[in-house]
Amino acid sequence: IINEGEKISILTCLVMLIFDFFLYLLLAWYLDQVLPSAHGVTRHPLFCLPLRLRKMLICGKADEGSEYQPDADLLETVPPELEGLLGVDIQNLRKVFPGLCSPSNVAVDGLNLK
């Protein structure tokens, strides 16, 4: 809002127009990269940040999780007639997914099923 006593020069208007041009150009480029379209692959919304900062914002501080120990009440005892038979025997199952927060995301590590 401009008061009656204030005057805006042509130079001020041109500077504001040039600033708006570059602001909208940058916004259009960013939205073109991030929003899905029929052509190309969309990028992560934080793609313009350095990788180290992006990891810190997305992942935060990584917790060193403790190993899962099942409750003894939840384990089922094996009937004596099935003691020596194996239906399924899986030893040291490990599944790793590549991830941003760590070199790899370990989904399962050292799972043994009998």
PDB file of N, CA and C in Angstrom:
ATOM      1  N   ILE A   1       0.862  -1.169   0.000  1.00  0.00           N
ATOM      2  CA  ILE A   1       0.000   0.000   0.000  1.00  0.00           C
ATOM      3  C   ILE A   1       0.907   1.230   0.000  1.00  0.00           C
ATOM      4  N   ILE A   2       0.609   2.113  -0.873  1.00  0.00           N
ATOM      5  CA  ILE A   2       1.434   3.309  -1.024  1.00  0.00           C
ATOM      6  C   ILE A   2       0.640   4.509  -0.524  1.00  0.00           C
ATOM      7  N   ASN A   3       1.259   5.274   0.351  1.00  0.00           N
ATOM      8  CA  ASN A   3       0.642   6.513   0.821  1.00  0.00           C
ATOM      9  C   ASN A   3       0.759   7.576  -0.261  1.00  0.00           C
ATOM     10  N   GLU A   4      -0.041   8.597  -0.166  1.00  0.00           N
ATOM     11  CA  GLU A   4      -0.054   9.629  -1.199  1.00  0.00           C
ATOM     12  C   GLU A   4       1.265  10.379  -1.274  1.00  0.00           C
ATOM     13  N   GLY A   5       1.977  10.526  -0.170  1.00  0.00           N
ATOM     14  CA  GLY A   5       3.215  11.273  -0.165  1.00  0.00           C
ATOM     15  C   GLY A   5       4.405  10.497  -0.697  1.00  0.00           C
ATOM     16  N   GLU A   6       4.316   9.163  -0.784  1.00  0.00           N
ATOM     17  CA  GLU A   6       5.437   8.338  -1.223  1.00  0.00           C
ATOM     18  C   GLU A   6       5.459   8.245  -2.738  1.00  0.00           C
ATOM     19  N   LYS A   7       6.649   8.250  -3.277  1.00  0.00           N
ATOM     20  CA  LYS A   7       6.809   8.114  -4.720  1.00  0.00           C
ATOM     21  C   LYS A   7       7.696   6.906  -4.997  1.00  0.00           C
ATOM     22  N   ILE A   8       7.312   6.138  -5.992  1.00  0.00           N
ATOM     23  CA  ILE A   8       8.093   4.975  -6.407  1.00  0.00           C
ATOM     24  C   ILE A   8       8.652   5.286  -7.783  1.00  0.00           C
ATOM     25  N   SER A   9       9.935   5.107  -7.935  1.00  0.00           N
ATOM     26  CA  SER A   9      10.563   5.424  -9.216  1.00  0.00           C
ATOM     27  C   SER A   9      10.413   4.256 -10.183  1.00  0.00           C
ATOM     28  N   ILE A  10      10.665   4.531 -11.439  1.00  0.00           N
ATOM     29  CA  ILE A  10      10.627   3.501 -12.476  1.00  0.00           C
ATOM     30  C   ILE A  10      11.717   2.461 -12.205  1.00  0.00           C
ATOM     31  N   LEU A  11      12.862   2.912 -11.713  1.00  0.00           N
ATOM     32  CA  LEU A  11      13.958   2.002 -11.411  1.00  0.00           C
ATOM     33  C   LEU A  11      13.551   0.995 -10.333  1.00  0.00           C
ATOM     34  N   THR A  12      12.843   1.455  -9.309  1.00  0.00           N
ATOM     35  CA  THR A  12      12.366   0.549  -8.258  1.00  0.00           C
ATOM     36  C   THR A  12      11.407  -0.488  -8.835  1.00  0.00           C
ATOM     37  N   CYS A  13      10.529  -0.080  -9.722  1.00  0.00           N
ATOM     38  CA  CYS A  13       9.599  -1.019 -10.366  1.00  0.00           C
ATOM     39  C   CYS A  13      10.343  -2.040 -11.205  1.00  0.00           C
ATOM     40  N   LEU A  14      11.346  -1.603 -11.970  1.00  0.00           N
ATOM     41  CA  LEU A  14      12.116  -2.525 -12.794  1.00  0.00           C
ATOM     42  C   LEU A  14      12.894  -3.526 -11.943  1.00  0.00           C
ATOM     43  N   VAL A  15      13.474  -3.074 -10.840  1.00  0.00           N
ATOM     44  CA  VAL A  15      14.201  -3.982  -9.947  1.00  0.00           C
ATOM     45  C   VAL A  15      13.244  -5.021  -9.364  1.00  0.00           C
ATOM     46  N   MET A  16      12.061  -4.590  -8.965  1.00  0.00           N
ATOM     47  CA  MET A  16      11.070  -5.537  -8.421  1.00  0.00           C
ATOM     48  C   MET A  16      10.619  -6.532  -9.487  1.00  0.00           C
ATOM     49  N   LEU A  17      10.448  -6.083 -10.727  1.00  0.00           N
ATOM     50  CA  LEU A  17      10.057  -6.980 -11.814  1.00  0.00           C
ATOM     51  C   LEU A  17      11.156  -7.997 -12.115  1.00  0.00           C
ATOM     52  N   ILE A  18      12.401  -7.565 -12.125  1.00  0.00           N
ATOM     53  CA  ILE A  18      13.508  -8.493 -12.375  1.00  0.00           C
ATOM     54  C   ILE A  18      13.622  -9.507 -11.238  1.00  0.00           C
ATOM     55  N   PHE A  19      13.469  -9.035 -10.015  1.00  0.00           N
ATOM     56  CA  PHE A  19      13.493  -9.953  -8.871  1.00  0.00           C
ATOM     57  C   PHE A  19      12.359 -10.971  -8.975  1.00  0.00           C
ATOM     58  N   ASP A  20      11.148 -10.511  -9.309  1.00  0.00           N
ATOM     59  CA  ASP A  20      10.008 -11.426  -9.462  1.00  0.00           C
ATOM     60  C   ASP A  20      10.250 -12.433 -10.579  1.00  0.00           C
ATOM     61  N   PHE A  21      10.845 -11.974 -11.674  1.00  0.00           N
ATOM     62  CA  PHE A  21      11.128 -12.874 -12.790  1.00  0.00           C
ATOM     63  C   PHE A  21      12.006 -14.031 -12.337  1.00  0.00           C
ATOM     64  N   PHE A  22      13.102 -13.731 -11.659  1.00  0.00           N
ATOM     65  CA  PHE A  22      14.006 -14.795 -11.216  1.00  0.00           C
ATOM     66  C   PHE A  22      13.391 -15.647 -10.108  1.00  0.00           C
ATOM     67  N   LEU A  23      12.604 -15.053  -9.251  1.00  0.00           N
ATOM     68  CA  LEU A  23      11.922 -15.818  -8.204  1.00  0.00           C
ATOM     69  C   LEU A  23      10.960 -16.830  -8.808  1.00  0.00           C
ATOM     70  N   TYR A  24      10.139 -16.394  -9.760  1.00  0.00           N
ATOM     71  CA  TYR A  24       9.183 -17.308 -10.393  1.00  0.00           C
ATOM     72  C   TYR A  24       9.880 -18.310 -11.307  1.00  0.00           C
ATOM     73  N   LEU A  25      10.987 -17.919 -11.914  1.00  0.00           N
ATOM     74  CA  LEU A  25      11.761 -18.858 -12.718  1.00  0.00           C
ATOM     75  C   LEU A  25      12.308 -19.984 -11.842  1.00  0.00           C
ATOM     76  N   LEU A  26      12.854 -19.628 -10.694  1.00  0.00           N
ATOM     77  CA  LEU A  26      13.371 -20.621  -9.757  1.00  0.00           C
ATOM     78  C   LEU A  26      12.249 -21.520  -9.225  1.00  0.00           C
ATOM     79  N   LEU A  27      11.116 -20.935  -8.886  1.00  0.00           N
ATOM     80  CA  LEU A  27       9.974 -21.714  -8.399  1.00  0.00           C
ATOM     81  C   LEU A  27       9.452 -22.671  -9.466  1.00  0.00           C
ATOM     82  N   ALA A  28       9.352 -22.209 -10.721  1.00  0.00           N
ATOM     83  CA  ALA A  28       8.882 -23.073 -11.809  1.00  0.00           C
ATOM     84  C   ALA A  28       9.851 -24.226 -12.050  1.00  0.00           C
ATOM     85  N   TRP A  29      11.155 -23.953 -12.019  1.00  0.00           N
ATOM     86  CA  TRP A  29      12.141 -25.018 -12.204  1.00  0.00           C
ATOM     87  C   TRP A  29      12.045 -26.057 -11.098  1.00  0.00           C
ATOM     88  N   TYR A  30      11.924 -25.591  -9.835  1.00  0.00           N
ATOM     89  CA  TYR A  30      11.834 -26.505  -8.696  1.00  0.00           C
ATOM     90  C   TYR A  30      10.581 -27.378  -8.803  1.00  0.00           C
ATOM     91  N   LEU A  31       9.431 -26.772  -9.080  1.00  0.00           N
ATOM     92  CA  LEU A  31       8.186 -27.546  -9.176  1.00  0.00           C
ATOM     93  C   LEU A  31       8.222 -28.502 -10.359  1.00  0.00           C
ATOM     94  N   ASP A  32       8.883 -28.126 -11.433  1.00  0.00           N
ATOM     95  CA  ASP A  32       9.022 -29.017 -12.580  1.00  0.00           C
ATOM     96  C   ASP A  32       9.838 -30.251 -12.210  1.00  0.00           C
ATOM     97  N   GLN A  33      10.815 -30.102 -11.340  1.00  0.00           N
ATOM     98  CA  GLN A  33      11.646 -31.227 -10.915  1.00  0.00           C
ATOM     99  C   GLN A  33      10.933 -32.127  -9.910  1.00  0.00           C
ATOM    100  N   VAL A  34      10.078 -31.556  -9.067  1.00  0.00           N
ATOM    101  CA  VAL A  34       9.509 -32.278  -7.934  1.00  0.00           C
ATOM    102  C   VAL A  34       8.138 -32.882  -8.238  1.00  0.00           C
ATOM    103  N   LEU A  35       7.289 -32.159  -8.927  1.00  0.00           N
ATOM    104  CA  LEU A  35       5.924 -32.641  -9.161  1.00  0.00           C
ATOM    105  C   LEU A  35       5.903 -33.703 -10.250  1.00  0.00           C
ATOM    106  N   PRO A  36       5.044 -34.727 -10.089  1.00  0.00           N
ATOM    107  CA  PRO A  36       4.978 -35.787 -11.103  1.00  0.00           C
ATOM    108  C   PRO A  36       4.413 -35.256 -12.416  1.00  0.00           C
ATOM    109  N   SER A  37       4.946 -35.793 -13.508  1.00  0.00           N
ATOM    110  CA  SER A  37       4.448 -35.431 -14.836  1.00  0.00           C
ATOM    111  C   SER A  37       4.491 -36.666 -15.720  1.00  0.00           C
ATOM    112  N   ALA A  38       4.014 -36.515 -16.950  1.00  0.00           N
ATOM    113  CA  ALA A  38       3.981 -37.647 -17.868  1.00  0.00           C
ATOM    114  C   ALA A  38       5.373 -38.023 -18.354  1.00  0.00           C
ATOM    115  N   HIS A  39       6.311 -37.075 -18.318  1.00  0.00           N
ATOM    116  CA  HIS A  39       7.655 -37.318 -18.831  1.00  0.00           C
ATOM    117  C   HIS A  39       8.679 -37.138 -17.725  1.00  0.00           C
ATOM    118  N   GLY A  40       9.645 -38.012 -17.697  1.00  0.00           N
ATOM    119  CA  GLY A  40      10.741 -37.866 -16.753  1.00  0.00           C
ATOM    120  C   GLY A  40      10.449 -38.481 -15.398  1.00  0.00           C
ATOM    121  N   VAL A  41      11.440 -38.406 -14.544  1.00  0.00           N
ATOM    122  CA  VAL A  41      11.359 -38.961 -13.204  1.00  0.00           C
ATOM    123  C   VAL A  41      11.356 -37.807 -12.208  1.00  0.00           C
ATOM    124  N   THR A  42      10.455 -37.887 -11.241  1.00  0.00           N
ATOM    125  CA  THR A  42      10.416 -36.830 -10.228  1.00  0.00           C
ATOM    126  C   THR A  42      11.568 -37.010  -9.250  1.00  0.00           C
ATOM    127  N   ARG A  43      11.970 -35.915  -8.672  1.00  0.00           N
ATOM    128  CA  ARG A  43      13.063 -35.942  -7.708  1.00  0.00           C
ATOM    129  C   ARG A  43      12.518 -35.701  -6.307  1.00  0.00           C
ATOM    130  N   HIS A  44      13.331 -36.027  -5.327  1.00  0.00           N
ATOM    131  CA  HIS A  44      12.960 -35.823  -3.931  1.00  0.00           C
ATOM    132  C   HIS A  44      12.806 -34.320  -3.673  1.00  0.00           C
ATOM    133  N   PRO A  45      11.840 -33.903  -2.825  1.00  0.00           N
ATOM    134  CA  PRO A  45      11.646 -32.468  -2.570  1.00  0.00           C
ATOM    135  C   PRO A  45      12.874 -31.759  -2.009  1.00  0.00           C
ATOM    136  N   LEU A  46      13.784 -32.478  -1.391  1.00  0.00           N
ATOM    137  CA  LEU A  46      14.987 -31.859  -0.843  1.00  0.00           C
ATOM    138  C   LEU A  46      16.207 -32.073  -1.740  1.00  0.00           C
ATOM    139  N   PHE A  47      15.979 -32.344  -3.025  1.00  0.00           N
ATOM    140  CA  PHE A  47      17.086 -32.684  -3.919  1.00  0.00           C
ATOM    141  C   PHE A  47      18.111 -31.564  -4.063  1.00  0.00           C
ATOM    142  N   CYS A  48      17.706 -30.325  -3.875  1.00  0.00           N
ATOM    143  CA  CYS A  48      18.622 -29.204  -4.084  1.00  0.00           C
ATOM    144  C   CYS A  48      19.548 -28.972  -2.887  1.00  0.00           C
ATOM    145  N   LEU A  49      19.311 -29.663  -1.787  1.00  0.00           N
ATOM    146  CA  LEU A  49      20.196 -29.540  -0.621  1.00  0.00           C
ATOM    147  C   LEU A  49      21.380 -30.492  -0.761  1.00  0.00           C
ATOM    148  N   PRO A  50      22.496 -30.177  -0.145  1.00  0.00           N
ATOM    149  CA  PRO A  50      23.635 -31.113  -0.172  1.00  0.00           C
ATOM    150  C   PRO A  50      23.255 -32.440   0.497  1.00  0.00           C
ATOM    151  N   LEU A  51      23.874 -33.514   0.046  1.00  0.00           N
ATOM    152  CA  LEU A  51      23.525 -34.855   0.527  1.00  0.00           C
ATOM    153  C   LEU A  51      23.670 -34.982   2.034  1.00  0.00           C
ATOM    154  N   ARG A  52      24.710 -34.411   2.604  1.00  0.00           N
ATOM    155  CA  ARG A  52      24.924 -34.505   4.058  1.00  0.00           C
ATOM    156  C   ARG A  52      23.774 -33.844   4.831  1.00  0.00           C
ATOM    157  N   LEU A  53      23.340 -32.666   4.390  1.00  0.00           N
ATOM    158  CA  LEU A  53      22.239 -31.968   5.049  1.00  0.00           C
ATOM    159  C   LEU A  53      20.923 -32.712   4.844  1.00  0.00           C
ATOM    160  N   ARG A  54      20.734 -33.255   3.638  1.00  0.00           N
ATOM    161  CA  ARG A  54      19.522 -34.009   3.349  1.00  0.00           C
ATOM    162  C   ARG A  54      19.413 -35.239   4.249  1.00  0.00           C
ATOM    163  N   LYS A  55      20.524 -35.950   4.424  1.00  0.00           N
ATOM    164  CA  LYS A  55      20.520 -37.122   5.311  1.00  0.00           C
ATOM    165  C   LYS A  55      20.201 -36.726   6.742  1.00  0.00           C
ATOM    166  N   MET A  56      20.770 -35.601   7.184  1.00  0.00           N
ATOM    167  CA  MET A  56      20.527 -35.163   8.550  1.00  0.00           C
ATOM    168  C   MET A  56      19.049 -34.796   8.747  1.00  0.00           C
ATOM    169  N   LEU A  57      18.445 -34.135   7.764  1.00  0.00           N
ATOM    170  CA  LEU A  57      17.045 -33.743   7.890  1.00  0.00           C
ATOM    171  C   LEU A  57      16.107 -34.940   7.816  1.00  0.00           C
ATOM    172  N   ILE A  58      16.396 -35.872   6.933  1.00  0.00           N
ATOM    173  CA  ILE A  58      15.510 -37.023   6.740  1.00  0.00           C
ATOM    174  C   ILE A  58      15.717 -38.066   7.828  1.00  0.00           C
ATOM    175  N   CYS A  59      16.961 -38.405   8.083  1.00  0.00           N
ATOM    176  CA  CYS A  59      17.260 -39.525   8.976  1.00  0.00           C
ATOM    177  C   CYS A  59      17.383 -39.118  10.427  1.00  0.00           C
ATOM    178  N   GLY A  60      17.827 -37.919  10.678  1.00  0.00           N
ATOM    179  CA  GLY A  60      18.070 -37.518  12.057  1.00  0.00           C
ATOM    180  C   GLY A  60      19.251 -38.295  12.599  1.00  0.00           C
ATOM    181  N   LYS A  61      19.289 -38.434  13.878  1.00  0.00           N
ATOM    182  CA  LYS A  61      20.362 -39.194  14.503  1.00  0.00           C
ATOM    183  C   LYS A  61      19.941 -40.655  14.531  1.00  0.00           C
ATOM    184  N   ALA A  62      20.776 -41.503  13.997  1.00  0.00           N
ATOM    185  CA  ALA A  62      20.447 -42.925  13.918  1.00  0.00           C
ATOM    186  C   ALA A  62      20.534 -43.564  15.293  1.00  0.00           C
ATOM    187  N   ASP A  63      19.498 -44.303  15.641  1.00  0.00           N
ATOM    188  CA  ASP A  63      19.500 -45.035  16.904  1.00  0.00           C
ATOM    189  C   ASP A  63      20.181 -46.378  16.698  1.00  0.00           C
ATOM    190  N   GLU A  64      20.982 -46.738  17.624  1.00  0.00           N
ATOM    191  CA  GLU A  64      21.578 -48.063  17.612  1.00  0.00           C
ATOM    192  C   GLU A  64      20.597 -48.994  18.315  1.00  0.00           C
ATOM    193  N   GLY A  65      19.731 -49.637  17.535  1.00  0.00           N
ATOM    194  CA  GLY A  65      18.666 -50.457  18.089  1.00  0.00           C
ATOM    195  C   GLY A  65      19.196 -51.664  18.830  1.00  0.00           C
ATOM    196  N   SER A  66      18.481 -52.054  19.845  1.00  0.00           N
ATOM    197  CA  SER A  66      18.882 -53.238  20.601  1.00  0.00           C
ATOM    198  C   SER A  66      18.329 -54.475  19.915  1.00  0.00           C
ATOM    199  N   GLU A  67      18.951 -55.594  20.167  1.00  0.00           N
ATOM    200  CA  GLU A  67      18.528 -56.849  19.562  1.00  0.00           C
ATOM    201  C   GLU A  67      17.208 -57.293  20.182  1.00  0.00           C
ATOM    202  N   TYR A  68      16.315 -57.808  19.352  1.00  0.00           N
ATOM    203  CA  TYR A  68      15.000 -58.238  19.808  1.00  0.00           C
ATOM    204  C   TYR A  68      15.112 -59.542  20.583  1.00  0.00           C
ATOM    205  N   GLN A  69      14.522 -59.549  21.771  1.00  0.00           N
ATOM    206  CA  GLN A  69      14.457 -60.756  22.586  1.00  0.00           C
ATOM    207  C   GLN A  69      12.983 -61.101  22.791  1.00  0.00           C
ATOM    208  N   PRO A  70      12.498 -62.200  22.208  1.00  0.00           N
ATOM    209  CA  PRO A  70      11.078 -62.533  22.332  1.00  0.00           C
ATOM    210  C   PRO A  70      10.721 -62.931  23.764  1.00  0.00           C
ATOM    211  N   ASP A  71       9.476 -62.672  24.121  1.00  0.00           N
ATOM    212  CA  ASP A  71       8.974 -63.036  25.441  1.00  0.00           C
ATOM    213  C   ASP A  71       8.810 -64.562  25.496  1.00  0.00           C
ATOM    214  N   ALA A  72       9.266 -65.168  26.562  1.00  0.00           N
ATOM    215  CA  ALA A  72       9.218 -66.633  26.686  1.00  0.00           C
ATOM    216  C   ALA A  72       7.775 -67.154  26.680  1.00  0.00           C
ATOM    217  N   ASP A  73       6.818 -66.346  27.127  1.00  0.00           N
ATOM    218  CA  ASP A  73       5.415 -66.777  27.132  1.00  0.00           C
ATOM    219  C   ASP A  73       4.844 -66.879  25.719  1.00  0.00           C
ATOM    220  N   LEU A  74       5.441 -66.187  24.757  1.00  0.00           N
ATOM    221  CA  LEU A  74       4.929 -66.191  23.385  1.00  0.00           C
ATOM    222  C   LEU A  74       5.480 -67.334  22.541  1.00  0.00           C
ATOM    223  N   LEU A  75       6.503 -68.021  23.029  1.00  0.00           N
ATOM    224  CA  LEU A  75       7.094 -69.115  22.266  1.00  0.00           C
ATOM    225  C   LEU A  75       6.299 -70.392  22.451  1.00  0.00           C
ATOM    226  N   GLU A  76       6.129 -71.095  21.359  1.00  0.00           N
ATOM    227  CA  GLU A  76       5.374 -72.345  21.378  1.00  0.00           C
ATOM    228  C   GLU A  76       6.343 -73.514  21.566  1.00  0.00           C
ATOM    229  N   THR A  77       5.988 -74.421  22.435  1.00  0.00           N
ATOM    230  CA  THR A  77       6.843 -75.598  22.645  1.00  0.00           C
ATOM    231  C   THR A  77       6.589 -76.612  21.531  1.00  0.00           C
ATOM    232  N   VAL A  78       7.625 -77.337  21.181  1.00  0.00           N
ATOM    233  CA  VAL A  78       7.519 -78.348  20.129  1.00  0.00           C
ATOM    234  C   VAL A  78       7.033 -79.645  20.751  1.00  0.00           C
ATOM    235  N   PRO A  79       5.982 -80.230  20.165  1.00  0.00           N
ATOM    236  CA  PRO A  79       5.510 -81.520  20.691  1.00  0.00           C
ATOM    237  C   PRO A  79       6.601 -82.595  20.551  1.00  0.00           C
ATOM    238  N   PRO A  80       6.638 -83.567  21.488  1.00  0.00           N
ATOM    239  CA  PRO A  80       7.711 -84.588  21.465  1.00  0.00           C
ATOM    240  C   PRO A  80       7.732 -85.408  20.182  1.00  0.00           C
ATOM    241  N   GLU A  81       6.585 -85.673  19.566  1.00  0.00           N
ATOM    242  CA  GLU A  81       6.570 -86.489  18.341  1.00  0.00           C
ATOM    243  C   GLU A  81       7.148 -85.748  17.132  1.00  0.00           C
ATOM    244  N   LEU A  82       7.243 -84.422  17.212  1.00  0.00           N
ATOM    245  CA  LEU A  82       7.807 -83.636  16.108  1.00  0.00           C
ATOM    246  C   LEU A  82       9.213 -83.116  16.425  1.00  0.00           C
ATOM    247  N   GLU A  83       9.801 -83.565  17.494  1.00  0.00           N
ATOM    248  CA  GLU A  83      11.075 -83.023  17.974  1.00  0.00           C
ATOM    249  C   GLU A  83      12.202 -83.151  16.952  1.00  0.00           C
ATOM    250  N   GLY A  84      12.358 -84.253  16.279  1.00  0.00           N
ATOM    251  CA  GLY A  84      13.470 -84.461  15.353  1.00  0.00           C
ATOM    252  C   GLY A  84      13.161 -84.064  13.923  1.00  0.00           C
ATOM    253  N   LEU A  85      11.904 -83.808  13.588  1.00  0.00           N
ATOM    254  CA  LEU A  85      11.518 -83.511  12.208  1.00  0.00           C
ATOM    255  C   LEU A  85      11.646 -82.010  11.920  1.00  0.00           C
ATOM    256  N   LEU A  86      12.112 -81.706  10.725  1.00  0.00           N
ATOM    257  CA  LEU A  86      12.199 -80.318  10.301  1.00  0.00           C
ATOM    258  C   LEU A  86      11.296 -80.097   9.095  1.00  0.00           C
ATOM    259  N   GLY A  87      10.354 -79.176   9.217  1.00  0.00           N
ATOM    260  CA  GLY A  87       9.530 -78.800   8.073  1.00  0.00           C
ATOM    261  C   GLY A  87      10.224 -77.708   7.279  1.00  0.00           C
ATOM    262  N   VAL A  88      10.704 -76.724   7.982  1.00  0.00           N
ATOM    263  CA  VAL A  88      11.436 -75.607   7.388  1.00  0.00           C
ATOM    264  C   VAL A  88      12.647 -75.346   8.268  1.00  0.00           C
ATOM    265  N   ASP A  89      13.788 -75.193   7.640  1.00  0.00           N
ATOM    266  CA  ASP A  89      15.001 -74.897   8.392  1.00  0.00           C
ATOM    267  C   ASP A  89      15.720 -73.728   7.710  1.00  0.00           C
ATOM    268  N   ILE A  90      15.633 -72.568   8.318  1.00  0.00           N
ATOM    269  CA  ILE A  90      16.288 -71.365   7.797  1.00  0.00           C
ATOM    270  C   ILE A  90      17.340 -70.962   8.809  1.00  0.00           C
ATOM    271  N   GLN A  91      18.553 -70.773   8.322  1.00  0.00           N
ATOM    272  CA  GLN A  91      19.641 -70.410   9.221  1.00  0.00           C
ATOM    273  C   GLN A  91      20.322 -69.139   8.728  1.00  0.00           C
ATOM    274  N   ASN A  92      20.484 -68.197   9.644  1.00  0.00           N
ATOM    275  CA  ASN A  92      21.183 -66.930   9.390  1.00  0.00           C
ATOM    276  C   ASN A  92      20.644 -66.174   8.177  1.00  0.00           C
ATOM    277  N   LEU A  93      19.329 -65.993   8.132  1.00  0.00           N
ATOM    278  CA  LEU A  93      18.708 -65.233   7.053  1.00  0.00           C
ATOM    279  C   LEU A  93      19.038 -63.755   7.216  1.00  0.00           C
ATOM    280  N   ARG A  94      19.410 -63.115   6.113  1.00  0.00           N
ATOM    281  CA  ARG A  94      19.762 -61.692   6.132  1.00  0.00           C
ATOM    282  C   ARG A  94      19.192 -61.046   4.879  1.00  0.00           C
ATOM    283  N   LYS A  95      18.464 -59.936   5.059  1.00  0.00           N
ATOM    284  CA  LYS A  95      17.930 -59.166   3.930  1.00  0.00           C
ATOM    285  C   LYS A  95      18.341 -57.716   4.114  1.00  0.00           C
ATOM    286  N   VAL A  96      18.971 -57.153   3.082  1.00  0.00           N
ATOM    287  CA  VAL A  96      19.484 -55.792   3.144  1.00  0.00           C
ATOM    288  C   VAL A  96      18.884 -54.988   1.998  1.00  0.00           C
ATOM    289  N   PHE A  97      18.359 -53.811   2.305  1.00  0.00           N
ATOM    290  CA  PHE A  97      17.833 -52.889   1.307  1.00  0.00           C
ATOM    291  C   PHE A  97      18.741 -51.666   1.257  1.00  0.00           C
ATOM    292  N   PRO A  98      19.045 -51.161   0.073  1.00  0.00           N
ATOM    293  CA  PRO A  98      19.833 -49.928   0.005  1.00  0.00           C
ATOM    294  C   PRO A  98      19.013 -48.765   0.538  1.00  0.00           C
ATOM    295  N   GLY A  99      19.658 -47.832   1.224  1.00  0.00           N
ATOM    296  CA  GLY A  99      18.908 -46.734   1.803  1.00  0.00           C
ATOM    297  C   GLY A  99      19.685 -45.448   1.840  1.00  0.00           C
ATOM    298  N   LEU A 100      18.970 -44.367   2.107  1.00  0.00           N
ATOM    299  CA  LEU A 100      19.571 -43.045   2.188  1.00  0.00           C
ATOM    300  C   LEU A 100      20.194 -42.814   3.552  1.00  0.00           C
ATOM    301  N   CYS A 101      19.566 -43.308   4.589  1.00  0.00           N
ATOM    302  CA  CYS A 101      20.006 -43.012   5.956  1.00  0.00           C
ATOM    303  C   CYS A 101      21.261 -43.766   6.357  1.00  0.00           C
ATOM    304  N   SER A 102      21.520 -44.852   5.744  1.00  0.00           N
ATOM    305  CA  SER A 102      22.723 -45.616   6.050  1.00  0.00           C
ATOM    306  C   SER A 102      23.182 -46.257   4.747  1.00  0.00           C
ATOM    307  N   PRO A 103      24.381 -46.776   4.722  1.00  0.00           N
ATOM    308  CA  PRO A 103      24.814 -47.436   3.484  1.00  0.00           C
ATOM    309  C   PRO A 103      23.851 -48.539   3.062  1.00  0.00           C
ATOM    310  N   SER A 104      23.236 -49.179   4.019  1.00  0.00           N
ATOM    311  CA  SER A 104      22.233 -50.192   3.712  1.00  0.00           C
ATOM    312  C   SER A 104      21.297 -50.338   4.912  1.00  0.00           C
ATOM    313  N   ASN A 105      20.051 -50.629   4.607  1.00  0.00           N
ATOM    314  CA  ASN A 105      19.061 -50.868   5.659  1.00  0.00           C
ATOM    315  C   ASN A 105      18.903 -52.360   5.824  1.00  0.00           C
ATOM    316  N   VAL A 106      19.247 -52.853   6.988  1.00  0.00           N
ATOM    317  CA  VAL A 106      19.145 -54.280   7.263  1.00  0.00           C
ATOM    318  C   VAL A 106      17.748 -54.551   7.798  1.00  0.00           C
ATOM    319  N   ALA A 107      16.959 -55.309   7.023  1.00  0.00           N
ATOM    320  CA  ALA A 107      15.612 -55.643   7.445  1.00  0.00           C
ATOM    321  C   ALA A 107      15.615 -56.853   8.376  1.00  0.00           C
ATOM    322  N   VAL A 108      16.385 -57.849   8.022  1.00  0.00           N
ATOM    323  CA  VAL A 108      16.483 -59.075   8.816  1.00  0.00           C
ATOM    324  C   VAL A 108      17.957 -59.446   8.892  1.00  0.00           C
ATOM    325  N   ASP A 109      18.404 -59.814  10.081  1.00  0.00           N
ATOM    326  CA  ASP A 109      19.806 -60.191  10.240  1.00  0.00           C
ATOM    327  C   ASP A 109      19.911 -61.349  11.222  1.00  0.00           C
ATOM    328  N   GLY A 110      20.405 -62.466  10.747  1.00  0.00           N
ATOM    329  CA  GLY A 110      20.640 -63.604  11.618  1.00  0.00           C
ATOM    330  C   GLY A 110      19.374 -64.307  12.076  1.00  0.00           C
ATOM    331  N   LEU A 111      18.337 -64.354  11.246  1.00  0.00           N
ATOM    332  CA  LEU A 111      17.090 -65.019  11.624  1.00  0.00           C
ATOM    333  C   LEU A 111      17.229 -66.519  11.422  1.00  0.00           C
ATOM    334  N   ASN A 112      16.896 -67.256  12.462  1.00  0.00           N
ATOM    335  CA  ASN A 112      16.912 -68.717  12.399  1.00  0.00           C
ATOM    336  C   ASN A 112      15.514 -69.240  12.675  1.00  0.00           C
ATOM    337  N   LEU A 113      15.003 -70.031  11.741  1.00  0.00           N
ATOM    338  CA  LEU A 113      13.684 -70.653  11.886  1.00  0.00           C
ATOM    339  C   LEU A 113      13.820 -72.153  11.716  1.00  0.00           C
ATOM    340  N   LYS A 114      13.206 -72.867  12.634  1.00  0.00           N
ATOM    341  CA  LYS A 114      13.179 -74.331  12.524  1.00  0.00           C
ATOM    342  C   LYS A 114      11.763 -74.796  12.700  1.00  0.00           C
TER     343      LYS A 114
END
